[in-house]
Amino acid sequence: RLVAYYTSAVSDGTLDIGVLRSQLQALLPDYMVP
C-alpha cells in the first residue's frame, strides 16, 4: 500500500536518503520514520 511518495524539485532527481530521513525525523513522530 502506498502511504507517501517523493518528488524532487531539483532537475537531476538525486536523493540523499540521509537528508530525507533527518528532515522527516524533524517533522514526524519516531514511529512514522522507518
PDB file of N, CA and C in Angstrom:
ATOM      1  N   ARG A   1       0.843  -1.173   0.000  1.00  0.00           N
ATOM      2  CA  ARG A   1       0.000   0.000   0.000  1.00  0.00           C
ATOM      3  C   ARG A   1       0.884   1.231   0.000  1.00  0.00           C
ATOM      4  N   LEU A   2       0.604   2.170  -0.867  1.00  0.00           N
ATOM      5  CA  LEU A   2       1.350   3.416  -0.963  1.00  0.00           C
ATOM      6  C   LEU A   2       0.860   4.373   0.113  1.00  0.00           C
ATOM      7  N   VAL A   3       1.767   4.844   0.962  1.00  0.00           N
ATOM      8  CA  VAL A   3       1.383   5.779   2.012  1.00  0.00           C
ATOM      9  C   VAL A   3       2.037   7.139   1.841  1.00  0.00           C
ATOM     10  N   ALA A   4       3.045   7.227   0.965  1.00  0.00           N
ATOM     11  CA  ALA A   4       3.707   8.505   0.691  1.00  0.00           C
ATOM     12  C   ALA A   4       4.497   8.378  -0.596  1.00  0.00           C
ATOM     13  N   TYR A   5       4.828   9.500  -1.175  1.00  0.00           N
ATOM     14  CA  TYR A   5       5.704   9.496  -2.338  1.00  0.00           C
ATOM     15  C   TYR A   5       6.583  10.732  -2.300  1.00  0.00           C
ATOM     16  N   TYR A   6       7.664  10.705  -3.044  1.00  0.00           N
ATOM     17  CA  TYR A   6       8.658  11.769  -3.046  1.00  0.00           C
ATOM     18  C   TYR A   6       8.814  12.305  -4.456  1.00  0.00           C
ATOM     19  N   THR A   7       8.795  13.616  -4.604  1.00  0.00           N
ATOM     20  CA  THR A   7       9.115  14.241  -5.884  1.00  0.00           C
ATOM     21  C   THR A   7      10.225  15.244  -5.654  1.00  0.00           C
ATOM     22  N   SER A   8      11.097  15.376  -6.622  1.00  0.00           N
ATOM     23  CA  SER A   8      12.257  16.250  -6.490  1.00  0.00           C
ATOM     24  C   SER A   8      12.010  17.590  -7.173  1.00  0.00           C
ATOM     25  N   ALA A   9      12.369  18.672  -6.493  1.00  0.00           N
ATOM     26  CA  ALA A   9      12.294  19.995  -7.101  1.00  0.00           C
ATOM     27  C   ALA A   9      13.543  20.272  -7.933  1.00  0.00           C
ATOM     28  N   VAL A  10      14.574  19.456  -7.743  1.00  0.00           N
ATOM     29  CA  VAL A  10      15.831  19.605  -8.470  1.00  0.00           C
ATOM     30  C   VAL A  10      15.763  18.741  -9.726  1.00  0.00           C
ATOM     31  N   SER A  11      16.217  19.281 -10.836  1.00  0.00           N
ATOM     32  CA  SER A  11      16.062  18.575 -12.107  1.00  0.00           C
ATOM     33  C   SER A  11      16.888  17.300 -12.217  1.00  0.00           C
ATOM     34  N   ASP A  12      17.994  17.176 -11.456  1.00  0.00           N
ATOM     35  CA  ASP A  12      18.802  15.955 -11.577  1.00  0.00           C
ATOM     36  C   ASP A  12      18.152  14.765 -10.879  1.00  0.00           C
ATOM     37  N   GLY A  13      17.213  15.011  -9.978  1.00  0.00           N
ATOM     38  CA  GLY A  13      16.442  13.939  -9.372  1.00  0.00           C
ATOM     39  C   GLY A  13      17.185  13.059  -8.380  1.00  0.00           C
ATOM     40  N   THR A  14      18.373  13.470  -7.929  1.00  0.00           N
ATOM     41  CA  THR A  14      19.099  12.646  -6.963  1.00  0.00           C
ATOM     42  C   THR A  14      18.450  12.753  -5.588  1.00  0.00           C
ATOM     43  N   LEU A  15      18.601  11.705  -4.822  1.00  0.00           N
ATOM     44  CA  LEU A  15      18.006  11.647  -3.496  1.00  0.00           C
ATOM     45  C   LEU A  15      19.058  11.205  -2.496  1.00  0.00           C
ATOM     46  N   ASP A  16      19.310  12.044  -1.503  1.00  0.00           N
ATOM     47  CA  ASP A  16      20.203  11.674  -0.412  1.00  0.00           C
ATOM     48  C   ASP A  16      19.323  11.166   0.721  1.00  0.00           C
ATOM     49  N   ILE A  17      19.326   9.861   0.916  1.00  0.00           N
ATOM     50  CA  ILE A  17      18.451   9.226   1.907  1.00  0.00           C
ATOM     51  C   ILE A  17      18.699   9.780   3.307  1.00  0.00           C
ATOM     52  N   GLY A  18      19.943  10.073   3.646  1.00  0.00           N
ATOM     53  CA  GLY A  18      20.262  10.613   4.967  1.00  0.00           C
ATOM     54  C   GLY A  18      19.601  11.957   5.215  1.00  0.00           C
ATOM     55  N   VAL A  19      19.627  12.822   4.218  1.00  0.00           N
ATOM     56  CA  VAL A  19      18.993  14.139   4.336  1.00  0.00           C
ATOM     57  C   VAL A  19      17.479  13.984   4.451  1.00  0.00           C
ATOM     58  N   LEU A  20      16.914  13.134   3.618  1.00  0.00           N
ATOM     59  CA  LEU A  20      15.469  12.905   3.676  1.00  0.00           C
ATOM     60  C   LEU A  20      15.051  12.373   5.039  1.00  0.00           C
ATOM     61  N   ARG A  21      15.784  11.393   5.554  1.00  0.00           N
ATOM     62  CA  ARG A  21      15.461  10.802   6.854  1.00  0.00           C
ATOM     63  C   ARG A  21      15.551  11.844   7.974  1.00  0.00           C
ATOM     64  N   SER A  22      16.592  12.675   7.967  1.00  0.00           N
ATOM     65  CA  SER A  22      16.745  13.671   9.030  1.00  0.00           C
ATOM     66  C   SER A  22      15.643  14.725   8.963  1.00  0.00           C
ATOM     67  N   GLN A  23      15.224  15.096   7.759  1.00  0.00           N
ATOM     68  CA  GLN A  23      14.124  16.050   7.635  1.00  0.00           C
ATOM     69  C   GLN A  23      12.809  15.442   8.119  1.00  0.00           C
ATOM     70  N   LEU A  24      12.585  14.177   7.797  1.00  0.00           N
ATOM     71  CA  LEU A  24      11.373  13.510   8.267  1.00  0.00           C
ATOM     72  C   LEU A  24      11.375  13.357   9.783  1.00  0.00           C
ATOM     73  N   GLN A  25      12.533  13.041  10.360  1.00  0.00           N
ATOM     74  CA  GLN A  25      12.621  12.886  11.811  1.00  0.00           C
ATOM     75  C   GLN A  25      12.331  14.201  12.527  1.00  0.00           C
ATOM     76  N   ALA A  26      12.639  15.321  11.886  1.00  0.00           N
ATOM     77  CA  ALA A  26      12.361  16.623  12.486  1.00  0.00           C
ATOM     78  C   ALA A  26      10.869  16.956  12.450  1.00  0.00           C
ATOM     79  N   LEU A  27      10.134  16.356  11.513  1.00  0.00           N
ATOM     80  CA  LEU A  27       8.729  16.705  11.327  1.00  0.00           C
ATOM     81  C   LEU A  27       7.738  15.665  11.829  1.00  0.00           C
ATOM     82  N   LEU A  28       8.161  14.399  11.861  1.00  0.00           N
ATOM     83  CA  LEU A  28       7.234  13.309  12.164  1.00  0.00           C
ATOM     84  C   LEU A  28       7.584  12.609  13.472  1.00  0.00           C
ATOM     85  N   PRO A  29       6.615  11.941  14.098  1.00  0.00           N
ATOM     86  CA  PRO A  29       6.904  11.126  15.276  1.00  0.00           C
ATOM     87  C   PRO A  29       7.827   9.964  14.898  1.00  0.00           C
ATOM     88  N   ASP A  30       8.581   9.456  15.874  1.00  0.00           N
ATOM     89  CA  ASP A  30       9.555   8.380  15.633  1.00  0.00           C
ATOM     90  C   ASP A  30       8.940   7.160  14.954  1.00  0.00           C
ATOM     91  N   TYR A  31       7.722   6.785  15.352  1.00  0.00           N
ATOM     92  CA  TYR A  31       7.130   5.565  14.803  1.00  0.00           C
ATOM     93  C   TYR A  31       6.761   5.696  13.317  1.00  0.00           C
ATOM     94  N   MET A  32       6.790   6.900  12.775  1.00  0.00           N
ATOM     95  CA  MET A  32       6.432   7.093  11.374  1.00  0.00           C
ATOM     96  C   MET A  32       7.631   7.132  10.435  1.00  0.00           C
ATOM     97  N   VAL A  33       8.852   7.105  10.984  1.00  0.00           N
ATOM     98  CA  VAL A  33      10.067   7.149  10.165  1.00  0.00           C
ATOM     99  C   VAL A  33      10.733   5.781  10.211  1.00  0.00           C
ATOM    100  N   PRO A  34      10.835   5.120   9.052  1.00  0.00           N
ATOM    101  CA  PRO A  34      11.441   3.776   9.040  1.00  0.00           C
ATOM    102  C   PRO A  34      12.936   3.811   9.324  1.00  0.00           C
TER     103      PRO A  34
END
